């Protein structure tokens, strides 16, 4: 009953209240980023949602569009600004996703939506994360965020999908707030971020092939 009906009702109520309460903050941040980025303060990216359906996730833009002499974008580390670092550290850059929640593309709690390019790489087990709406936060986020491996993330996502209920969602909301306040589960090394999922898959298949060769 909860996953099918009440979870969506709570998402709508939460999104409406959240957007109203945070509107002054969203407005100030939006204006500030418009000046810093010399353009739109928002960032849109294709992500895979429920049943693998692709939607555009909405976030605050934390990097400039600075380019080199050839017109190519500079490396991420050179384009992110102090304001962007602050927004990421506090997760304020994620707040516009409440619009995605209101539109029914996301939930407050669920597996984090990954980029569209990863869709062909999923195994059948990986694809189970698309059985429900993706979330602004989730069980994997409160159990390590970007300091855990991809395999661990997927196992946490599937564990949540098999057990989703109101008490668990409330627990995740509370743990999310604690993690944000304490800044837990964030990789402190800017030069060693979590590897991309496609790179992870390539390394996994390389190891798998080597294992088969020695059998």
N, C-alpha and C. Protein backbone atom coordinates (compact mmCIF):
# COMPACT_ATOMS: atom_id res chain seq x y z
N UNK A 1 0.83 -1.21 0.00
CA UNK A 1 0.00 0.00 0.00
C UNK A 1 0.87 1.27 0.00
N UNK A 2 1.85 1.31 0.88
CA UNK A 2 2.70 2.51 0.96
C UNK A 2 3.48 2.76 -0.34
N UNK A 3 4.22 1.76 -0.86
CA UNK A 3 5.00 2.03 -2.08
C UNK A 3 4.13 2.41 -3.27
N UNK A 4 2.92 1.84 -3.34
CA UNK A 4 2.08 2.05 -4.51
C UNK A 4 1.30 3.36 -4.46
N UNK A 5 0.90 3.80 -3.27
CA UNK A 5 0.03 4.98 -3.17
C UNK A 5 0.60 6.09 -2.28
N UNK A 6 0.83 5.78 -1.02
CA UNK A 6 1.16 6.83 -0.05
C UNK A 6 2.53 7.46 -0.27
N UNK A 7 3.47 6.69 -0.78
CA UNK A 7 4.80 7.24 -1.03
C UNK A 7 4.72 8.41 -2.01
N UNK A 8 3.93 8.25 -3.07
CA UNK A 8 3.77 9.31 -4.06
C UNK A 8 3.03 10.51 -3.47
N UNK A 9 2.03 10.27 -2.64
CA UNK A 9 1.30 11.36 -2.00
C UNK A 9 2.23 12.17 -1.11
N UNK A 10 3.06 11.48 -0.33
CA UNK A 10 4.01 12.17 0.55
C UNK A 10 5.04 12.93 -0.27
N UNK A 11 5.44 12.38 -1.43
CA UNK A 11 6.40 13.07 -2.30
C UNK A 11 5.82 14.40 -2.79
N UNK A 12 4.55 14.38 -3.21
CA UNK A 12 3.92 15.60 -3.73
C UNK A 12 3.81 16.65 -2.63
N UNK A 13 3.33 16.25 -1.46
CA UNK A 13 3.20 17.18 -0.34
C UNK A 13 4.58 17.73 0.05
N UNK A 14 5.56 16.84 0.15
CA UNK A 14 6.91 17.26 0.53
C UNK A 14 7.54 18.19 -0.48
N UNK A 15 7.34 17.93 -1.77
CA UNK A 15 7.91 18.76 -2.81
C UNK A 15 7.30 20.16 -2.81
N UNK A 16 5.98 20.22 -2.66
CA UNK A 16 5.30 21.53 -2.63
C UNK A 16 5.77 22.34 -1.43
N UNK A 17 5.76 21.72 -0.25
CA UNK A 17 6.21 22.43 0.96
C UNK A 17 7.69 22.79 0.86
N UNK A 18 8.50 21.86 0.35
CA UNK A 18 9.93 22.10 0.23
C UNK A 18 10.24 23.26 -0.69
N UNK A 19 9.56 23.34 -1.82
CA UNK A 19 9.80 24.43 -2.77
C UNK A 19 9.36 25.77 -2.19
N UNK A 20 8.26 25.77 -1.44
CA UNK A 20 7.78 27.01 -0.82
C UNK A 20 8.76 27.48 0.26
N UNK A 21 9.18 26.56 1.12
CA UNK A 21 10.07 26.92 2.24
C UNK A 21 11.45 27.37 1.75
N UNK A 22 11.97 26.68 0.73
CA UNK A 22 13.33 27.00 0.26
C UNK A 22 13.35 28.02 -0.87
N UNK A 23 12.20 28.55 -1.25
CA UNK A 23 12.16 29.48 -2.39
C UNK A 23 13.11 30.67 -2.23
N UNK A 24 13.16 31.33 -1.06
CA UNK A 24 14.11 32.45 -0.92
C UNK A 24 15.56 32.02 -1.17
N UNK A 25 15.93 30.85 -0.64
CA UNK A 25 17.29 30.34 -0.85
C UNK A 25 17.52 30.01 -2.32
N UNK A 26 16.55 29.35 -2.96
CA UNK A 26 16.68 29.01 -4.37
C UNK A 26 16.82 30.27 -5.23
N UNK A 27 16.09 31.31 -4.87
CA UNK A 27 16.13 32.56 -5.63
C UNK A 27 17.50 33.22 -5.51
N UNK A 28 18.01 33.31 -4.28
CA UNK A 28 19.31 33.95 -4.05
C UNK A 28 20.43 33.18 -4.76
N UNK A 29 20.42 31.86 -4.59
CA UNK A 29 21.45 31.03 -5.23
C UNK A 29 21.34 31.14 -6.75
N UNK A 30 20.12 31.14 -7.27
CA UNK A 30 19.92 31.23 -8.71
C UNK A 30 20.46 32.52 -9.28
N UNK A 31 20.19 33.64 -8.60
CA UNK A 31 20.69 34.95 -9.07
C UNK A 31 22.21 34.98 -9.00
N UNK A 32 22.76 34.49 -7.90
CA UNK A 32 24.22 34.50 -7.71
C UNK A 32 24.91 33.67 -8.80
N UNK A 33 24.37 32.48 -9.08
CA UNK A 33 24.97 31.62 -10.10
C UNK A 33 24.81 32.21 -11.50
N UNK A 34 23.72 32.93 -11.73
CA UNK A 34 23.53 33.58 -13.03
C UNK A 34 24.65 34.57 -13.31
N UNK A 35 25.09 35.26 -12.24
CA UNK A 35 26.18 36.22 -12.38
C UNK A 35 27.51 35.50 -12.57
N UNK A 36 27.76 34.50 -11.73
CA UNK A 36 29.03 33.76 -11.80
C UNK A 36 29.18 33.03 -13.12
N UNK A 37 28.11 32.36 -13.55
CA UNK A 37 28.17 31.55 -14.77
C UNK A 37 27.88 32.35 -16.03
N UNK A 38 27.45 33.59 -15.83
CA UNK A 38 27.09 34.45 -16.97
C UNK A 38 26.07 33.78 -17.88
N UNK A 39 25.07 33.20 -17.22
CA UNK A 39 24.02 32.51 -17.97
C UNK A 39 23.08 31.80 -17.03
N UNK A 40 22.52 30.71 -17.49
CA UNK A 40 21.55 29.98 -16.70
C UNK A 40 22.18 29.41 -15.43
N UNK A 41 21.47 29.50 -14.30
CA UNK A 41 22.00 28.92 -13.05
C UNK A 41 21.70 27.43 -12.93
N UNK A 42 20.96 26.89 -13.89
CA UNK A 42 20.53 25.50 -13.80
C UNK A 42 21.28 24.59 -14.77
N UNK A 43 21.41 23.35 -14.36
CA UNK A 43 22.09 22.32 -15.15
C UNK A 43 21.10 21.20 -15.40
N UNK A 44 20.98 20.78 -16.66
CA UNK A 44 20.06 19.70 -17.02
C UNK A 44 20.86 18.54 -17.61
N UNK A 45 20.50 17.34 -17.22
CA UNK A 45 21.21 16.16 -17.74
C UNK A 45 20.25 14.98 -17.83
N UNK A 46 20.38 14.20 -18.89
CA UNK A 46 19.54 13.02 -19.06
C UNK A 46 19.92 11.94 -18.05
N UNK A 47 18.93 11.46 -17.29
CA UNK A 47 19.13 10.39 -16.33
C UNK A 47 18.07 9.32 -16.57
N UNK A 48 18.35 8.10 -16.14
CA UNK A 48 17.38 7.01 -16.30
C UNK A 48 16.53 6.89 -15.05
N UNK A 49 15.22 6.82 -15.25
CA UNK A 49 14.28 6.76 -14.13
C UNK A 49 13.54 5.45 -14.05
N UNK A 50 12.34 5.51 -13.54
CA UNK A 50 11.52 4.30 -13.36
C UNK A 50 11.29 3.62 -14.70
N UNK A 51 11.43 2.30 -14.74
CA UNK A 51 11.30 1.49 -15.94
C UNK A 51 12.30 1.88 -17.03
N UNK A 52 13.40 2.54 -16.62
CA UNK A 52 14.43 2.92 -17.56
C UNK A 52 14.09 4.14 -18.39
N UNK A 53 12.96 4.79 -18.10
CA UNK A 53 12.56 5.97 -18.86
C UNK A 53 13.50 7.13 -18.58
N UNK A 54 13.94 7.79 -19.62
CA UNK A 54 14.91 8.88 -19.48
C UNK A 54 14.19 10.20 -19.21
N UNK A 55 14.72 10.96 -18.28
CA UNK A 55 14.19 12.30 -17.98
C UNK A 55 15.36 13.24 -17.75
N UNK A 56 15.06 14.53 -17.71
CA UNK A 56 16.11 15.53 -17.48
C UNK A 56 16.12 15.92 -16.00
N UNK A 57 17.22 15.60 -15.33
CA UNK A 57 17.36 15.97 -13.94
C UNK A 57 17.74 17.45 -13.86
N UNK A 58 17.26 18.14 -12.82
CA UNK A 58 17.51 19.57 -12.66
C UNK A 58 18.40 19.80 -11.44
N UNK A 59 19.51 20.49 -11.64
CA UNK A 59 20.42 20.80 -10.54
C UNK A 59 20.93 22.23 -10.73
N UNK A 60 21.47 22.79 -9.66
CA UNK A 60 22.15 24.06 -9.82
C UNK A 60 23.48 23.82 -10.52
N UNK A 61 23.85 24.73 -11.38
CA UNK A 61 25.07 24.60 -12.17
C UNK A 61 26.27 25.01 -11.31
N UNK A 62 27.17 24.07 -11.06
CA UNK A 62 28.30 24.33 -10.16
C UNK A 62 29.61 24.56 -10.89
N UNK A 63 29.58 24.51 -12.22
CA UNK A 63 30.80 24.76 -13.01
C UNK A 63 30.53 25.77 -14.11
N UNK A 64 31.55 26.51 -14.47
CA UNK A 64 31.43 27.47 -15.58
C UNK A 64 31.58 26.72 -16.90
N UNK A 65 31.40 27.44 -18.00
CA UNK A 65 31.57 26.86 -19.33
C UNK A 65 32.89 27.31 -19.95
N UNK A 66 33.89 27.55 -19.12
CA UNK A 66 35.20 28.01 -19.60
C UNK A 66 35.81 27.00 -20.57
N UNK A 67 36.38 27.52 -21.65
CA UNK A 67 36.97 26.67 -22.69
C UNK A 67 38.41 27.09 -23.00
N UNK A 68 39.14 26.16 -23.62
CA UNK A 68 40.53 26.48 -23.99
C UNK A 68 40.55 27.16 -25.35
N UNK A 69 41.75 27.36 -25.87
CA UNK A 69 41.88 28.09 -27.14
C UNK A 69 41.28 27.33 -28.32
N UNK A 70 41.07 26.01 -28.14
CA UNK A 70 40.47 25.21 -29.22
C UNK A 70 38.95 25.11 -29.11
N UNK A 71 38.43 25.75 -28.07
CA UNK A 71 36.99 25.72 -27.89
C UNK A 71 36.48 24.54 -27.09
N UNK A 72 37.40 23.74 -26.55
CA UNK A 72 37.01 22.58 -25.74
C UNK A 72 36.87 22.98 -24.27
N UNK A 73 35.91 22.36 -23.60
CA UNK A 73 35.72 22.65 -22.18
C UNK A 73 36.97 22.29 -21.39
N UNK A 74 37.31 23.15 -20.44
CA UNK A 74 38.45 22.87 -19.57
C UNK A 74 38.10 21.71 -18.64
N UNK A 75 39.10 21.06 -18.02
CA UNK A 75 38.82 19.96 -17.08
C UNK A 75 37.90 20.45 -15.96
N UNK A 76 37.10 19.52 -15.42
CA UNK A 76 36.14 19.86 -14.36
C UNK A 76 36.79 20.60 -13.20
N UNK A 77 37.98 20.15 -12.80
CA UNK A 77 38.66 20.76 -11.65
C UNK A 77 38.96 22.23 -11.86
N UNK A 78 39.09 22.64 -13.13
CA UNK A 78 39.39 24.04 -13.44
C UNK A 78 38.13 24.87 -13.64
N UNK A 79 36.99 24.21 -13.82
CA UNK A 79 35.76 24.95 -14.10
C UNK A 79 34.87 25.13 -12.87
N UNK A 80 35.07 24.28 -11.86
CA UNK A 80 34.24 24.43 -10.66
C UNK A 80 34.73 25.63 -9.85
N UNK A 81 33.81 26.43 -9.36
CA UNK A 81 34.17 27.63 -8.60
C UNK A 81 33.87 27.42 -7.11
N UNK A 82 34.31 28.37 -6.29
CA UNK A 82 34.14 28.24 -4.84
C UNK A 82 32.67 28.08 -4.46
N UNK A 83 31.80 28.83 -5.13
CA UNK A 83 30.38 28.73 -4.87
C UNK A 83 29.89 27.32 -5.21
N UNK A 84 30.40 26.77 -6.32
CA UNK A 84 30.01 25.43 -6.73
C UNK A 84 30.46 24.39 -5.72
N UNK A 85 31.67 24.54 -5.20
CA UNK A 85 32.18 23.61 -4.19
C UNK A 85 31.30 23.64 -2.94
N UNK A 86 30.88 24.84 -2.55
CA UNK A 86 30.02 24.98 -1.38
C UNK A 86 28.66 24.33 -1.62
N UNK A 87 28.09 24.56 -2.80
CA UNK A 87 26.78 23.98 -3.11
C UNK A 87 26.83 22.46 -3.12
N UNK A 88 27.92 21.90 -3.63
CA UNK A 88 28.06 20.44 -3.64
C UNK A 88 28.26 19.89 -2.24
N UNK A 89 29.09 20.57 -1.45
CA UNK A 89 29.39 20.09 -0.10
C UNK A 89 28.14 20.09 0.78
N UNK A 90 27.25 21.05 0.54
CA UNK A 90 26.03 21.15 1.35
C UNK A 90 24.83 20.49 0.66
N UNK A 91 25.03 20.01 -0.58
CA UNK A 91 23.97 19.39 -1.39
C UNK A 91 22.86 20.37 -1.77
N UNK A 92 23.13 21.67 -1.64
CA UNK A 92 22.15 22.66 -2.07
C UNK A 92 21.93 22.58 -3.57
N UNK A 93 22.96 22.15 -4.30
CA UNK A 93 22.82 22.03 -5.75
C UNK A 93 21.76 21.01 -6.15
N UNK A 94 21.37 20.13 -5.20
CA UNK A 94 20.38 19.09 -5.49
C UNK A 94 18.93 19.57 -5.27
N UNK A 95 18.76 20.70 -4.60
CA UNK A 95 17.41 21.14 -4.23
C UNK A 95 16.45 21.31 -5.41
N UNK A 96 16.91 21.80 -6.58
CA UNK A 96 15.97 21.92 -7.70
C UNK A 96 15.34 20.60 -8.13
N UNK A 97 15.89 19.48 -7.68
CA UNK A 97 15.32 18.18 -8.02
C UNK A 97 13.94 17.99 -7.40
N UNK A 98 13.57 18.85 -6.46
CA UNK A 98 12.21 18.78 -5.93
C UNK A 98 11.20 19.03 -7.04
N UNK A 99 11.60 19.73 -8.10
CA UNK A 99 10.73 19.90 -9.27
C UNK A 99 10.54 18.56 -9.96
N UNK A 100 11.63 17.79 -10.08
CA UNK A 100 11.53 16.44 -10.65
C UNK A 100 10.60 15.55 -9.82
N UNK A 101 10.67 15.72 -8.49
CA UNK A 101 9.80 14.95 -7.60
C UNK A 101 8.35 15.34 -7.85
N UNK A 102 8.09 16.62 -7.94
CA UNK A 102 6.72 17.11 -8.16
C UNK A 102 6.17 16.61 -9.49
N UNK A 103 7.04 16.50 -10.49
CA UNK A 103 6.61 16.05 -11.81
C UNK A 103 6.44 14.53 -11.88
N UNK A 104 6.81 13.83 -10.81
CA UNK A 104 6.65 12.38 -10.79
C UNK A 104 7.82 11.63 -11.42
N UNK A 105 8.90 12.34 -11.74
CA UNK A 105 10.07 11.69 -12.33
C UNK A 105 10.99 11.11 -11.26
N UNK A 106 10.89 11.65 -10.05
CA UNK A 106 11.73 11.20 -8.95
C UNK A 106 10.91 11.10 -7.68
N UNK A 107 11.52 10.53 -6.66
CA UNK A 107 10.96 10.48 -5.32
C UNK A 107 11.98 11.12 -4.38
N UNK A 108 11.58 11.42 -3.15
CA UNK A 108 12.57 11.92 -2.20
C UNK A 108 13.56 10.82 -1.84
N UNK A 109 13.07 9.57 -1.75
CA UNK A 109 13.93 8.46 -1.37
C UNK A 109 13.86 7.36 -2.43
N UNK A 110 15.03 6.89 -2.86
CA UNK A 110 15.12 5.83 -3.86
C UNK A 110 16.54 5.76 -4.38
N UNK A 111 16.82 4.84 -5.29
CA UNK A 111 18.16 4.77 -5.88
C UNK A 111 18.48 6.06 -6.63
N UNK A 112 19.69 6.56 -6.51
CA UNK A 112 20.05 7.78 -7.22
C UNK A 112 20.01 7.53 -8.72
N UNK A 113 19.44 8.46 -9.51
CA UNK A 113 19.36 8.27 -10.96
C UNK A 113 20.73 8.46 -11.61
N UNK A 114 21.11 7.51 -12.45
CA UNK A 114 22.40 7.58 -13.13
C UNK A 114 22.20 8.06 -14.57
N UNK A 115 23.31 8.45 -15.21
CA UNK A 115 23.20 9.03 -16.55
C UNK A 115 22.70 8.01 -17.57
N UNK A 116 22.08 8.53 -18.60
CA UNK A 116 21.46 7.70 -19.64
C UNK A 116 22.48 6.77 -20.29
N UNK A 117 23.73 7.21 -20.43
CA UNK A 117 24.76 6.43 -21.12
C UNK A 117 25.03 5.08 -20.46
N UNK A 118 24.67 4.94 -19.18
CA UNK A 118 24.95 3.70 -18.47
C UNK A 118 23.93 2.60 -18.75
N UNK A 119 22.79 2.95 -19.33
CA UNK A 119 21.71 1.99 -19.53
C UNK A 119 22.14 0.69 -20.22
N UNK A 120 22.95 0.75 -21.31
CA UNK A 120 23.33 -0.50 -21.99
C UNK A 120 24.31 -1.35 -21.18
N UNK A 121 24.87 -0.80 -20.09
CA UNK A 121 25.89 -1.51 -19.33
C UNK A 121 25.33 -2.33 -18.18
N UNK A 122 24.07 -2.13 -17.84
CA UNK A 122 23.50 -2.81 -16.68
C UNK A 122 23.28 -4.29 -16.93
N UNK A 123 23.53 -5.08 -15.89
CA UNK A 123 23.10 -6.47 -15.90
C UNK A 123 21.62 -6.48 -15.50
N UNK A 124 20.99 -7.64 -15.57
CA UNK A 124 19.59 -7.72 -15.15
C UNK A 124 19.43 -7.32 -13.69
N UNK A 125 20.41 -7.68 -12.87
CA UNK A 125 20.34 -7.31 -11.45
C UNK A 125 20.50 -5.81 -11.27
N UNK A 126 21.45 -5.21 -12.00
CA UNK A 126 21.63 -3.76 -11.94
C UNK A 126 20.33 -3.04 -12.31
N UNK A 127 19.67 -3.56 -13.36
CA UNK A 127 18.47 -2.90 -13.90
C UNK A 127 17.31 -2.91 -12.93
N UNK A 128 17.40 -3.69 -11.87
CA UNK A 128 16.32 -3.72 -10.88
C UNK A 128 16.16 -2.36 -10.20
N UNK A 129 17.20 -1.54 -10.24
CA UNK A 129 17.12 -0.21 -9.62
C UNK A 129 16.07 0.66 -10.30
N UNK A 130 15.61 0.24 -11.49
CA UNK A 130 14.60 1.01 -12.22
C UNK A 130 13.18 0.54 -11.92
N UNK A 131 13.03 -0.35 -10.94
CA UNK A 131 11.69 -0.83 -10.59
C UNK A 131 10.88 0.23 -9.86
N UNK A 132 11.54 1.20 -9.28
CA UNK A 132 10.86 2.29 -8.57
C UNK A 132 11.44 3.63 -9.03
N UNK A 133 10.80 4.71 -8.62
CA UNK A 133 11.32 6.04 -8.98
C UNK A 133 12.67 6.27 -8.31
N UNK A 134 13.60 6.91 -9.01
CA UNK A 134 14.88 7.25 -8.38
C UNK A 134 14.68 8.33 -7.33
N UNK A 135 15.63 8.47 -6.41
CA UNK A 135 15.45 9.40 -5.31
C UNK A 135 16.50 10.50 -5.22
N UNK A 136 16.15 11.54 -4.49
CA UNK A 136 17.11 12.59 -4.18
C UNK A 136 18.15 12.07 -3.20
N UNK A 137 17.74 11.14 -2.35
CA UNK A 137 18.64 10.43 -1.46
C UNK A 137 18.20 8.98 -1.42
N UNK A 138 19.05 8.13 -0.86
CA UNK A 138 18.70 6.72 -0.83
C UNK A 138 19.54 5.95 0.17
N UNK A 139 19.29 4.64 0.22
CA UNK A 139 19.99 3.78 1.18
C UNK A 139 21.49 3.76 0.92
N UNK A 140 21.89 3.80 -0.34
CA UNK A 140 23.32 3.82 -0.67
C UNK A 140 23.96 5.13 -0.24
N UNK A 141 23.21 6.23 -0.37
CA UNK A 141 23.76 7.55 -0.01
C UNK A 141 24.03 7.67 1.49
N UNK A 142 23.19 7.06 2.31
CA UNK A 142 23.39 7.17 3.76
C UNK A 142 24.31 6.06 4.27
N UNK A 143 24.78 5.21 3.35
CA UNK A 143 25.71 4.15 3.74
C UNK A 143 27.04 4.26 3.00
N UNK A 144 27.43 5.49 2.70
CA UNK A 144 28.74 5.66 2.10
C UNK A 144 28.82 6.66 0.97
N UNK A 145 27.68 6.92 0.32
CA UNK A 145 27.65 7.89 -0.76
C UNK A 145 28.71 7.57 -1.81
N UNK A 146 29.70 8.47 -2.06
CA UNK A 146 30.68 8.19 -3.11
C UNK A 146 31.98 7.60 -2.58
N UNK A 147 31.94 7.02 -1.37
CA UNK A 147 33.13 6.36 -0.84
C UNK A 147 33.00 4.84 -0.92
N UNK A 148 31.90 4.34 -1.49
CA UNK A 148 31.72 2.90 -1.64
C UNK A 148 31.79 2.53 -3.12
N UNK A 149 31.99 1.25 -3.38
CA UNK A 149 32.14 0.78 -4.75
C UNK A 149 30.79 0.72 -5.47
N UNK A 150 30.85 0.60 -6.80
CA UNK A 150 29.63 0.50 -7.58
C UNK A 150 28.84 -0.75 -7.20
N UNK A 151 29.52 -1.86 -7.01
CA UNK A 151 28.82 -3.09 -6.65
C UNK A 151 28.09 -2.94 -5.33
N UNK A 152 28.70 -2.24 -4.38
CA UNK A 152 28.05 -2.00 -3.09
C UNK A 152 26.82 -1.11 -3.27
N UNK A 153 26.96 -0.08 -4.11
CA UNK A 153 25.84 0.82 -4.36
C UNK A 153 24.63 0.06 -4.88
N UNK A 154 24.87 -0.81 -5.87
CA UNK A 154 23.76 -1.55 -6.46
C UNK A 154 23.13 -2.50 -5.45
N UNK A 155 23.94 -3.13 -4.62
CA UNK A 155 23.39 -4.03 -3.61
C UNK A 155 22.53 -3.26 -2.60
N UNK A 156 22.98 -2.07 -2.22
CA UNK A 156 22.18 -1.23 -1.31
C UNK A 156 20.87 -0.83 -1.98
N UNK A 157 20.93 -0.48 -3.27
CA UNK A 157 19.72 -0.09 -4.00
C UNK A 157 18.71 -1.23 -4.03
N UNK A 158 19.18 -2.43 -4.35
CA UNK A 158 18.30 -3.59 -4.43
C UNK A 158 17.75 -3.95 -3.05
N UNK A 159 18.59 -3.83 -2.03
CA UNK A 159 18.14 -4.09 -0.66
C UNK A 159 16.98 -3.16 -0.32
N UNK A 160 17.09 -1.90 -0.70
CA UNK A 160 16.02 -0.94 -0.42
C UNK A 160 14.75 -1.29 -1.19
N UNK A 161 14.88 -1.60 -2.47
CA UNK A 161 13.73 -1.91 -3.31
C UNK A 161 12.94 -3.08 -2.74
N UNK A 162 13.64 -4.06 -2.20
CA UNK A 162 12.97 -5.25 -1.64
C UNK A 162 12.30 -4.98 -0.30
N UNK A 163 12.62 -3.84 0.34
CA UNK A 163 12.11 -3.59 1.69
C UNK A 163 11.43 -2.23 1.86
N UNK A 164 11.21 -1.50 0.79
CA UNK A 164 10.70 -0.13 0.91
C UNK A 164 9.43 -0.07 1.75
N UNK A 165 9.45 0.83 2.74
CA UNK A 165 8.29 1.07 3.59
C UNK A 165 8.44 2.44 4.23
N UNK A 166 7.41 2.92 4.87
CA UNK A 166 7.40 4.27 5.42
C UNK A 166 8.47 4.45 6.50
N UNK A 167 8.60 3.49 7.40
CA UNK A 167 9.57 3.61 8.48
C UNK A 167 11.00 3.71 7.93
N UNK A 168 11.28 2.92 6.88
CA UNK A 168 12.62 2.95 6.28
C UNK A 168 12.87 4.30 5.61
N UNK A 169 11.87 4.84 4.93
CA UNK A 169 12.03 6.15 4.28
C UNK A 169 12.29 7.24 5.32
N UNK A 170 11.56 7.21 6.41
CA UNK A 170 11.78 8.20 7.48
C UNK A 170 13.19 8.07 8.03
N UNK A 171 13.65 6.84 8.21
CA UNK A 171 15.00 6.60 8.70
C UNK A 171 16.04 7.18 7.75
N UNK A 172 15.84 6.98 6.44
CA UNK A 172 16.79 7.48 5.45
C UNK A 172 16.80 9.00 5.42
N UNK A 173 15.63 9.62 5.56
CA UNK A 173 15.57 11.08 5.61
C UNK A 173 16.38 11.60 6.79
N UNK A 174 16.19 10.98 7.95
CA UNK A 174 16.91 11.39 9.15
C UNK A 174 18.42 11.19 9.00
N UNK A 175 18.82 10.03 8.45
CA UNK A 175 20.24 9.75 8.25
C UNK A 175 20.84 10.69 7.20
N UNK A 176 20.04 11.06 6.21
CA UNK A 176 20.52 12.01 5.19
C UNK A 176 20.85 13.35 5.82
N UNK A 177 19.96 13.83 6.68
CA UNK A 177 20.20 15.09 7.38
C UNK A 177 21.47 15.01 8.22
N UNK A 178 21.65 13.89 8.92
CA UNK A 178 22.86 13.70 9.73
C UNK A 178 24.11 13.70 8.87
N UNK A 179 24.06 13.01 7.73
CA UNK A 179 25.22 12.94 6.85
C UNK A 179 25.58 14.33 6.31
N UNK A 180 24.56 15.12 5.97
CA UNK A 180 24.81 16.45 5.43
C UNK A 180 25.43 17.36 6.48
N UNK A 181 24.93 17.26 7.71
CA UNK A 181 25.47 18.09 8.79
C UNK A 181 26.91 17.70 9.10
N UNK A 182 27.17 16.40 9.14
CA UNK A 182 28.51 15.91 9.49
C UNK A 182 29.42 15.75 8.28
N UNK A 183 28.83 15.87 7.08
CA UNK A 183 29.57 15.71 5.82
C UNK A 183 30.24 14.35 5.74
N UNK A 184 29.50 13.31 6.13
CA UNK A 184 30.00 11.95 6.08
C UNK A 184 29.80 11.37 4.68
N UNK A 185 30.65 10.43 4.34
CA UNK A 185 30.48 9.69 3.08
C UNK A 185 30.88 10.44 1.85
N UNK A 186 31.61 11.56 2.02
CA UNK A 186 32.07 12.33 0.87
C UNK A 186 33.56 12.12 0.71
N UNK A 187 33.99 11.72 -0.48
CA UNK A 187 35.39 11.49 -0.74
C UNK A 187 36.14 12.80 -0.64
N UNK A 188 37.07 12.96 0.33
CA UNK A 188 37.75 14.23 0.52
C UNK A 188 38.84 14.50 -0.49
N UNK A 189 39.26 13.50 -1.25
CA UNK A 189 40.34 13.67 -2.19
C UNK A 189 39.80 14.10 -3.54
N UNK A 190 39.97 15.37 -3.90
CA UNK A 190 39.44 15.88 -5.16
C UNK A 190 40.16 15.27 -6.36
N UNK A 191 41.38 14.79 -6.15
CA UNK A 191 42.15 14.22 -7.25
C UNK A 191 41.84 12.74 -7.45
N UNK A 192 41.06 12.14 -6.52
CA UNK A 192 40.75 10.72 -6.64
C UNK A 192 39.27 10.47 -6.45
N UNK A 193 38.42 11.03 -7.37
CA UNK A 193 36.98 10.83 -7.25
C UNK A 193 36.61 9.41 -7.61
N UNK A 194 35.38 9.06 -7.32
CA UNK A 194 34.91 7.72 -7.66
C UNK A 194 34.95 7.52 -9.17
N UNK A 195 35.40 6.34 -9.63
CA UNK A 195 35.50 6.09 -11.06
C UNK A 195 34.11 6.03 -11.68
N UNK A 196 34.03 6.37 -12.96
CA UNK A 196 32.76 6.32 -13.67
C UNK A 196 32.32 4.87 -13.81
N UNK A 197 31.02 4.66 -13.94
CA UNK A 197 30.49 3.29 -14.00
C UNK A 197 30.99 2.55 -15.23
N UNK A 198 31.12 3.25 -16.38
CA UNK A 198 31.59 2.57 -17.58
C UNK A 198 33.04 2.10 -17.41
N UNK A 199 33.86 2.90 -16.71
CA UNK A 199 35.24 2.49 -16.43
C UNK A 199 35.25 1.28 -15.51
N UNK A 200 34.36 1.30 -14.52
CA UNK A 200 34.24 0.17 -13.59
C UNK A 200 33.89 -1.11 -14.36
N UNK A 201 32.95 -1.01 -15.31
CA UNK A 201 32.53 -2.17 -16.09
C UNK A 201 33.68 -2.70 -16.93
N UNK A 202 34.46 -1.80 -17.54
CA UNK A 202 35.59 -2.21 -18.35
C UNK A 202 36.61 -2.97 -17.51
N UNK A 203 36.90 -2.45 -16.32
CA UNK A 203 37.87 -3.12 -15.45
C UNK A 203 37.34 -4.47 -14.99
N UNK A 204 36.04 -4.54 -14.72
CA UNK A 204 35.44 -5.79 -14.27
C UNK A 204 35.57 -6.86 -15.36
N UNK A 205 35.27 -6.47 -16.60
CA UNK A 205 35.34 -7.44 -17.70
C UNK A 205 36.78 -7.85 -17.98
N UNK A 206 37.72 -6.94 -17.81
CA UNK A 206 39.12 -7.28 -17.99
C UNK A 206 39.56 -8.32 -16.97
N UNK A 207 39.17 -8.13 -15.73
CA UNK A 207 39.51 -9.09 -14.68
C UNK A 207 38.82 -10.43 -14.92
N UNK A 208 37.57 -10.36 -15.40
CA UNK A 208 36.81 -11.57 -15.68
C UNK A 208 37.49 -12.38 -16.78
N UNK A 209 37.96 -11.70 -17.83
CA UNK A 209 38.63 -12.38 -18.94
C UNK A 209 39.95 -13.00 -18.49
N UNK A 210 40.69 -12.27 -17.63
CA UNK A 210 41.95 -12.80 -17.12
C UNK A 210 41.71 -14.06 -16.28
N UNK A 211 40.64 -14.02 -15.50
CA UNK A 211 40.30 -15.17 -14.66
C UNK A 211 39.98 -16.39 -15.52
N UNK A 212 39.26 -16.18 -16.62
CA UNK A 212 38.90 -17.28 -17.51
C UNK A 212 40.13 -17.87 -18.18
N UNK A 213 41.13 -17.01 -18.46
CA UNK A 213 42.33 -17.45 -19.16
C UNK A 213 43.19 -18.38 -18.30
N UNK A 214 43.11 -18.21 -16.98
CA UNK A 214 43.95 -19.03 -16.10
C UNK A 214 43.23 -20.27 -15.60
N UNK A 215 42.00 -20.45 -16.03
CA UNK A 215 41.24 -21.64 -15.61
C UNK A 215 41.69 -22.87 -16.42
